[in-house]
Amino acid sequence: MTRPTTPQQQSNGLRQLIPGATTLGFGWEDDGDPGTSLDLTRPPSACSPFLAVFDTRTGTALHEFSFLVSSDGQYERGHMNVVALRAKSAAAVSSELAAVAQPSFQACAEATAIRRFYEIEDGSILGVSSRLVYLAVGGANVLWRATITSQAPNGASRTMEMDVGYLGAGDRLVKVRVATCGCNPPVAAGELLPGELPALQSIALGLSRA
């Protein structure tokens, strides 16, 4: 007789999808489980059409990492937030991946980046844009990159960027947010921060395993 999977077992299975700090590499600090995520508790209103898979999830694992490469080793120059969930069905995951790949998701990606901007930056927003980007991640994935240009109180120009990614297989879905501070130079192509691509590849590999 097969016993039903308990919530604790579901969570443990999802935790195996979380990349480790060693996968991300130099400069990353493991912040652990934050206990909650704004993607679950206070998503931007522009993201409302894409929340069904989160609202009906049956298991969740959360994790965060900070990128601390700076002269004193303390200043956070980037951040990664990971939400791994078990959806009510594989169809729900497929539907979510299809939905976030549409142009209508652009408003959600930009609103999510704006929320982060007001958490970590000062100054005035001059412009916001977003686009789909393609990294050699593997598996079913969708990745948006939002860019915010701003003017700091001292008049300096700054550019903050955020990747909002979704990876899924079967009834498992992982949402990843990777954000830089305006102190980093803009990224024309490739990963926003060193270690982002290995982290995404690790998640994709985990999802490929039954």
C-alpha atoms as a PDB file:
ATOM      1  CA  MET A   1       0.000   0.000   0.000  1.00  0.00           C
ATOM      2  CA  THR A   2       1.357   3.433  -0.985  1.00  0.00           C
ATOM      3  CA  ARG A   3       1.110   5.998   1.769  1.00  0.00           C
ATOM      4  CA  PRO A   4       0.179   9.596   0.869  1.00  0.00           C
ATOM      5  CA  THR A   5       2.987  12.123   0.877  1.00  0.00           C
ATOM      6  CA  THR A   6       2.974  14.290   3.986  1.00  0.00           C
ATOM      7  CA  PRO A   7       3.395  18.098   3.818  1.00  0.00           C
ATOM      8  CA  GLN A   8       6.831  17.721   5.441  1.00  0.00           C
ATOM      9  CA  GLN A   9       7.917  15.202   2.795  1.00  0.00           C
ATOM     10  CA  GLN A  10       6.620  17.508   0.058  1.00  0.00           C
ATOM     11  CA  SER A  11       8.630  20.408   1.468  1.00  0.00           C
ATOM     12  CA  ASN A  12      11.772  18.275   1.768  1.00  0.00           C
ATOM     13  CA  GLY A  13      11.433  17.219  -1.855  1.00  0.00           C
ATOM     14  CA  LEU A  14      11.148  20.843  -2.942  1.00  0.00           C
ATOM     15  CA  ARG A  15      14.173  21.871  -0.893  1.00  0.00           C
ATOM     16  CA  GLN A  16      16.286  19.590  -3.049  1.00  0.00           C
ATOM     17  CA  LEU A  17      15.602  22.004  -5.914  1.00  0.00           C
ATOM     18  CA  ILE A  18      17.234  24.915  -4.077  1.00  0.00           C
ATOM     19  CA  PRO A  19      20.805  25.545  -5.277  1.00  0.00           C
ATOM     20  CA  GLY A  20      23.540  25.808  -2.667  1.00  0.00           C
ATOM     21  CA  ALA A  21      25.916  28.705  -2.097  1.00  0.00           C
ATOM     22  CA  THR A  22      28.716  26.535  -3.502  1.00  0.00           C
ATOM     23  CA  THR A  23      26.781  26.309  -6.775  1.00  0.00           C
ATOM     24  CA  LEU A  24      26.498  30.089  -6.957  1.00  0.00           C
ATOM     25  CA  GLY A  25      30.180  30.495  -6.141  1.00  0.00           C
ATOM     26  CA  PHE A  26      32.355  33.291  -4.803  1.00  0.00           C
ATOM     27  CA  GLY A  27      30.649  36.271  -3.208  1.00  0.00           C
ATOM     28  CA  TRP A  28      27.326  34.631  -2.413  1.00  0.00           C
ATOM     29  CA  GLU A  29      26.074  34.274   1.144  1.00  0.00           C
ATOM     30  CA  ASP A  30      23.362  31.778   2.079  1.00  0.00           C
ATOM     31  CA  ASP A  31      20.590  33.695   3.882  1.00  0.00           C
ATOM     32  CA  GLY A  32      18.474  30.579   4.426  1.00  0.00           C
ATOM     33  CA  ASP A  33      14.706  30.301   4.532  1.00  0.00           C
ATOM     34  CA  PRO A  34      13.146  33.775   4.973  1.00  0.00           C
ATOM     35  CA  GLY A  35       9.941  32.228   6.279  1.00  0.00           C
ATOM     36  CA  THR A  36       7.809  34.085   3.785  1.00  0.00           C
ATOM     37  CA  SER A  37       8.021  35.706   0.368  1.00  0.00           C
ATOM     38  CA  LEU A  38       6.484  38.853  -1.061  1.00  0.00           C
ATOM     39  CA  ASP A  39       5.626  36.751  -4.123  1.00  0.00           C
ATOM     40  CA  LEU A  40       3.192  34.896  -1.862  1.00  0.00           C
ATOM     41  CA  THR A  41       2.059  37.561   0.593  1.00  0.00           C
ATOM     42  CA  ARG A  42       2.194  40.884  -1.276  1.00  0.00           C
ATOM     43  CA  PRO A  43       2.553  40.451  -5.031  1.00  0.00           C
ATOM     44  CA  PRO A  44       2.128  43.562  -7.194  1.00  0.00           C
ATOM     45  CA  SER A  45      -1.397  44.002  -8.541  1.00  0.00           C
ATOM     46  CA  ALA A  46      -0.027  43.671 -12.084  1.00  0.00           C
ATOM     47  CA  CYS A  47       0.858  40.062 -11.227  1.00  0.00           C
ATOM     48  CA  SER A  48      -2.720  39.089 -10.267  1.00  0.00           C
ATOM     49  CA  PRO A  49      -3.404  37.166 -13.513  1.00  0.00           C
ATOM     50  CA  PHE A  50      -0.439  34.873 -12.778  1.00  0.00           C
ATOM     51  CA  LEU A  51      -1.095  33.888  -9.152  1.00  0.00           C
ATOM     52  CA  ALA A  52      -3.432  30.885  -9.428  1.00  0.00           C
ATOM     53  CA  VAL A  53      -0.612  28.346  -9.280  1.00  0.00           C
ATOM     54  CA  PHE A  54       0.696  29.983  -6.087  1.00  0.00           C
ATOM     55  CA  ASP A  55      -2.710  30.257  -4.433  1.00  0.00           C
ATOM     56  CA  THR A  56      -3.472  26.555  -4.957  1.00  0.00           C
ATOM     57  CA  ARG A  57      -0.019  25.134  -4.160  1.00  0.00           C
ATOM     58  CA  THR A  58       0.244  22.073  -1.924  1.00  0.00           C
ATOM     59  CA  GLY A  59       3.864  22.514  -0.814  1.00  0.00           C
ATOM     60  CA  THR A  60       6.441  25.323  -0.666  1.00  0.00           C
ATOM     61  CA  ALA A  61      10.165  25.796  -0.063  1.00  0.00           C
ATOM     62  CA  LEU A  62      11.734  29.259   0.200  1.00  0.00           C
ATOM     63  CA  HIS A  63      15.346  30.418   0.145  1.00  0.00           C
ATOM     64  CA  GLU A  64      17.389  33.586  -0.303  1.00  0.00           C
ATOM     65  CA  PHE A  65      20.999  34.454  -1.110  1.00  0.00           C
ATOM     66  CA  SER A  66      22.932  37.733  -1.005  1.00  0.00           C
ATOM     67  CA  PHE A  67      25.756  38.737  -3.345  1.00  0.00           C
ATOM     68  CA  LEU A  68      28.324  40.538  -1.196  1.00  0.00           C
ATOM     69  CA  VAL A  69      31.269  41.224  -3.484  1.00  0.00           C
ATOM     70  CA  SER A  70      32.385  44.683  -2.363  1.00  0.00           C
ATOM     71  CA  SER A  71      35.466  46.306  -0.885  1.00  0.00           C
ATOM     72  CA  ASP A  72      34.375  45.517   2.687  1.00  0.00           C
ATOM     73  CA  GLY A  73      32.637  42.221   1.922  1.00  0.00           C
ATOM     74  CA  GLN A  74      29.413  43.449   3.505  1.00  0.00           C
ATOM     75  CA  TYR A  75      27.616  45.664   1.001  1.00  0.00           C
ATOM     76  CA  GLU A  76      24.919  43.752  -0.835  1.00  0.00           C
ATOM     77  CA  ARG A  77      25.301  44.185  -4.572  1.00  0.00           C
ATOM     78  CA  GLY A  78      22.738  41.588  -5.539  1.00  0.00           C
ATOM     79  CA  HIS A  79      20.075  39.265  -4.222  1.00  0.00           C
ATOM     80  CA  MET A  80      18.428  35.967  -5.192  1.00  0.00           C
ATOM     81  CA  ASN A  81      15.007  34.841  -4.001  1.00  0.00           C
ATOM     82  CA  VAL A  82      13.774  31.304  -4.735  1.00  0.00           C
ATOM     83  CA  VAL A  83      10.225  29.985  -4.353  1.00  0.00           C
ATOM     84  CA  ALA A  84       9.830  26.268  -5.122  1.00  0.00           C
ATOM     85  CA  LEU A  85       6.318  24.889  -5.032  1.00  0.00           C
ATOM     86  CA  ARG A  86       4.277  21.830  -5.749  1.00  0.00           C
ATOM     87  CA  ALA A  87       1.213  22.749  -7.770  1.00  0.00           C
ATOM     88  CA  LYS A  88      -2.159  21.069  -7.650  1.00  0.00           C
ATOM     89  CA  SER A  89      -1.407  19.463 -11.016  1.00  0.00           C
ATOM     90  CA  ALA A  90       1.099  19.284 -13.848  1.00  0.00           C
ATOM     91  CA  ALA A  91      -1.455  21.094 -16.002  1.00  0.00           C
ATOM     92  CA  ALA A  92      -1.307  24.072 -13.624  1.00  0.00           C
ATOM     93  CA  VAL A  93       2.467  24.291 -14.091  1.00  0.00           C
ATOM     94  CA  SER A  94       2.208  24.065 -17.868  1.00  0.00           C
ATOM     95  CA  SER A  95      -0.457  26.759 -17.852  1.00  0.00           C
ATOM     96  CA  GLU A  96       1.704  29.058 -15.711  1.00  0.00           C
ATOM     97  CA  LEU A  97       4.744  28.648 -17.936  1.00  0.00           C
ATOM     98  CA  ALA A  98       2.636  29.434 -21.001  1.00  0.00           C
ATOM     99  CA  ALA A  99       1.072  32.474 -19.333  1.00  0.00           C
ATOM    100  CA  VAL A 100       4.309  34.093 -18.129  1.00  0.00           C
ATOM    101  CA  ALA A 101       5.818  33.710 -21.594  1.00  0.00           C
ATOM    102  CA  GLN A 102       3.195  36.077 -23.010  1.00  0.00           C
ATOM    103  CA  PRO A 103       3.741  39.833 -23.521  1.00  0.00           C
ATOM    104  CA  SER A 104       1.098  40.495 -20.860  1.00  0.00           C
ATOM    105  CA  PHE A 105       3.587  39.363 -18.199  1.00  0.00           C
ATOM    106  CA  GLN A 106       5.772  42.372 -18.957  1.00  0.00           C
ATOM    107  CA  ALA A 107       3.753  44.559 -16.579  1.00  0.00           C
ATOM    108  CA  CYS A 108       4.245  42.041 -13.743  1.00  0.00           C
ATOM    109  CA  ALA A 109       7.997  41.828 -14.321  1.00  0.00           C
ATOM    110  CA  GLU A 110       8.328  45.602 -14.280  1.00  0.00           C
ATOM    111  CA  ALA A 111       6.121  46.039 -11.204  1.00  0.00           C
ATOM    112  CA  THR A 112       8.186  43.427  -9.357  1.00  0.00           C
ATOM    113  CA  ALA A 113      11.394  45.285 -10.214  1.00  0.00           C
ATOM    114  CA  ILE A 114       9.882  48.616  -9.132  1.00  0.00           C
ATOM    115  CA  ARG A 115       8.947  47.078  -5.780  1.00  0.00           C
ATOM    116  CA  ARG A 116      12.574  45.999  -5.320  1.00  0.00           C
ATOM    117  CA  PHE A 117      13.839  49.435  -6.387  1.00  0.00           C
ATOM    118  CA  TYR A 118      11.982  51.132  -3.553  1.00  0.00           C
ATOM    119  CA  GLU A 119      13.375  48.570  -1.106  1.00  0.00           C
ATOM    120  CA  ILE A 120      17.042  49.195  -1.906  1.00  0.00           C
ATOM    121  CA  GLU A 121      17.462  52.396  -3.949  1.00  0.00           C
ATOM    122  CA  ASP A 122      17.028  56.130  -3.438  1.00  0.00           C
ATOM    123  CA  GLY A 123      16.243  58.683  -6.073  1.00  0.00           C
ATOM    124  CA  SER A 124      13.786  59.026  -8.925  1.00  0.00           C
ATOM    125  CA  ILE A 125      12.877  56.451 -11.549  1.00  0.00           C
ATOM    126  CA  LEU A 126      13.510  57.724 -15.062  1.00  0.00           C
ATOM    127  CA  GLY A 127      12.509  54.666 -17.064  1.00  0.00           C
ATOM    128  CA  VAL A 128      11.380  51.050 -16.789  1.00  0.00           C
ATOM    129  CA  SER A 129      11.576  48.371 -19.463  1.00  0.00           C
ATOM    130  CA  SER A 130      11.581  44.582 -19.682  1.00  0.00           C
ATOM    131  CA  ARG A 131      12.235  41.853 -22.192  1.00  0.00           C
ATOM    132  CA  LEU A 132      12.484  38.119 -22.486  1.00  0.00           C
ATOM    133  CA  VAL A 133      16.043  36.809 -22.258  1.00  0.00           C
ATOM    134  CA  TYR A 134      17.415  33.406 -23.134  1.00  0.00           C
ATOM    135  CA  LEU A 135      20.129  31.662 -21.143  1.00  0.00           C
ATOM    136  CA  ALA A 136      21.385  28.103 -21.620  1.00  0.00           C
ATOM    137  CA  VAL A 137      19.395  26.833 -18.656  1.00  0.00           C
ATOM    138  CA  GLY A 138      17.755  23.673 -19.987  1.00  0.00           C
ATOM    139  CA  GLY A 139      14.269  22.306 -19.485  1.00  0.00           C
ATOM    140  CA  ALA A 140      11.084  24.349 -19.603  1.00  0.00           C
ATOM    141  CA  ASN A 141      11.845  27.882 -18.486  1.00  0.00           C
ATOM    142  CA  VAL A 142      10.832  31.502 -19.030  1.00  0.00           C
ATOM    143  CA  LEU A 143      13.096  34.403 -18.039  1.00  0.00           C
ATOM    144  CA  TRP A 144      12.255  38.113 -18.073  1.00  0.00           C
ATOM    145  CA  ARG A 145      14.766  40.901 -17.454  1.00  0.00           C
ATOM    146  CA  ALA A 146      13.511  44.234 -16.122  1.00  0.00           C
ATOM    147  CA  THR A 147      15.707  47.338 -16.221  1.00  0.00           C
ATOM    148  CA  ILE A 148      15.153  50.500 -14.185  1.00  0.00           C
ATOM    149  CA  THR A 149      17.128  53.651 -14.891  1.00  0.00           C
ATOM    150  CA  SER A 150      17.132  56.249 -12.147  1.00  0.00           C
ATOM    151  CA  GLN A 151      18.758  59.385 -10.838  1.00  0.00           C
ATOM    152  CA  ALA A 152      20.220  59.269  -7.342  1.00  0.00           C
ATOM    153  CA  PRO A 153      19.772  62.209  -4.944  1.00  0.00           C
ATOM    154  CA  ASN A 154      23.330  63.338  -5.775  1.00  0.00           C
ATOM    155  CA  GLY A 155      22.440  63.457  -9.468  1.00  0.00           C
ATOM    156  CA  ALA A 156      24.264  60.253 -10.435  1.00  0.00           C
ATOM    157  CA  SER A 157      22.690  57.959 -13.021  1.00  0.00           C
ATOM    158  CA  ARG A 158      22.032  54.401 -11.862  1.00  0.00           C
ATOM    159  CA  THR A 159      20.688  51.239 -13.450  1.00  0.00           C
ATOM    160  CA  MET A 160      19.058  48.458 -11.433  1.00  0.00           C
ATOM    161  CA  GLU A 161      18.175  45.173 -13.127  1.00  0.00           C
ATOM    162  CA  MET A 162      16.120  42.151 -12.143  1.00  0.00           C
ATOM    163  CA  ASP A 163      15.605  38.741 -13.719  1.00  0.00           C
ATOM    164  CA  VAL A 164      12.278  37.060 -13.009  1.00  0.00           C
ATOM    165  CA  GLY A 165      12.434  33.405 -14.004  1.00  0.00           C
ATOM    166  CA  TYR A 166      10.106  30.420 -13.962  1.00  0.00           C
ATOM    167  CA  LEU A 167      11.225  26.801 -14.326  1.00  0.00           C
ATOM    168  CA  GLY A 168       8.886  23.836 -14.204  1.00  0.00           C
ATOM    169  CA  ALA A 169       8.446  20.110 -14.717  1.00  0.00           C
ATOM    170  CA  GLY A 170       5.505  17.902 -13.804  1.00  0.00           C
ATOM    171  CA  ASP A 171       3.704  19.441 -10.842  1.00  0.00           C
ATOM    172  CA  ARG A 172       6.761  21.367  -9.598  1.00  0.00           C
ATOM    173  CA  LEU A 173       7.426  25.032 -10.326  1.00  0.00           C
ATOM    174  CA  VAL A 174      10.316  27.242  -9.237  1.00  0.00           C
ATOM    175  CA  LYS A 175      10.232  31.028  -9.402  1.00  0.00           C
ATOM    176  CA  VAL A 176      13.554  32.827  -9.140  1.00  0.00           C
ATOM    177  CA  ARG A 177      14.207  36.547  -8.759  1.00  0.00           C
ATOM    178  CA  VAL A 178      17.764  37.820  -9.208  1.00  0.00           C
ATOM    179  CA  ALA A 179      18.290  41.536  -8.665  1.00  0.00           C
ATOM    180  CA  THR A 180      21.303  43.825  -8.845  1.00  0.00           C
ATOM    181  CA  CYS A 181      21.752  47.179  -7.183  1.00  0.00           C
ATOM    182  CA  GLY A 182      22.179  50.360  -9.174  1.00  0.00           C
ATOM    183  CA  CYS A 183      25.855  50.265  -8.235  1.00  0.00           C
ATOM    184  CA  ASN A 184      26.531  47.558 -10.827  1.00  0.00           C
ATOM    185  CA  PRO A 185      27.111  48.319 -14.514  1.00  0.00           C
ATOM    186  CA  PRO A 186      24.230  47.361 -16.857  1.00  0.00           C
ATOM    187  CA  VAL A 187      24.394  43.877 -18.355  1.00  0.00           C
ATOM    188  CA  ALA A 188      23.933  43.715 -22.111  1.00  0.00           C
ATOM    189  CA  ALA A 189      23.675  39.922 -22.319  1.00  0.00           C
ATOM    190  CA  GLY A 190      24.215  36.808 -20.238  1.00  0.00           C
ATOM    191  CA  GLU A 191      23.686  36.374 -16.511  1.00  0.00           C
ATOM    192  CA  LEU A 192      23.090  39.416 -14.324  1.00  0.00           C
ATOM    193  CA  LEU A 193      25.486  38.243 -11.630  1.00  0.00           C
ATOM    194  CA  PRO A 194      28.171  35.537 -11.544  1.00  0.00           C
ATOM    195  CA  GLY A 195      26.552  32.329 -10.383  1.00  0.00           C
ATOM    196  CA  GLU A 196      23.050  33.027 -11.691  1.00  0.00           C
ATOM    197  CA  LEU A 197      23.356  30.666 -14.648  1.00  0.00           C
ATOM    198  CA  PRO A 198      24.804  27.732 -12.624  1.00  0.00           C
ATOM    199  CA  ALA A 199      21.988  28.219 -10.100  1.00  0.00           C
ATOM    200  CA  LEU A 200      19.321  28.104 -12.803  1.00  0.00           C
ATOM    201  CA  GLN A 201      20.976  25.101 -14.418  1.00  0.00           C
ATOM    202  CA  SER A 202      21.041  23.323 -11.049  1.00  0.00           C
ATOM    203  CA  ILE A 203      17.317  23.939 -10.597  1.00  0.00           C
ATOM    204  CA  ALA A 204      16.592  22.685 -14.115  1.00  0.00           C
ATOM    205  CA  LEU A 205      18.624  19.545 -13.476  1.00  0.00           C
ATOM    206  CA  GLY A 206      16.749  18.910 -10.235  1.00  0.00           C
ATOM    207  CA  LEU A 207      13.421  19.316 -11.998  1.00  0.00           C
ATOM    208  CA  SER A 208      14.479  16.803 -14.662  1.00  0.00           C
ATOM    209  CA  ARG A 209      14.854  14.109 -12.039  1.00  0.00           C
ATOM    210  CA  ALA A 210      11.732  12.282 -10.961  1.00  0.00           C
END
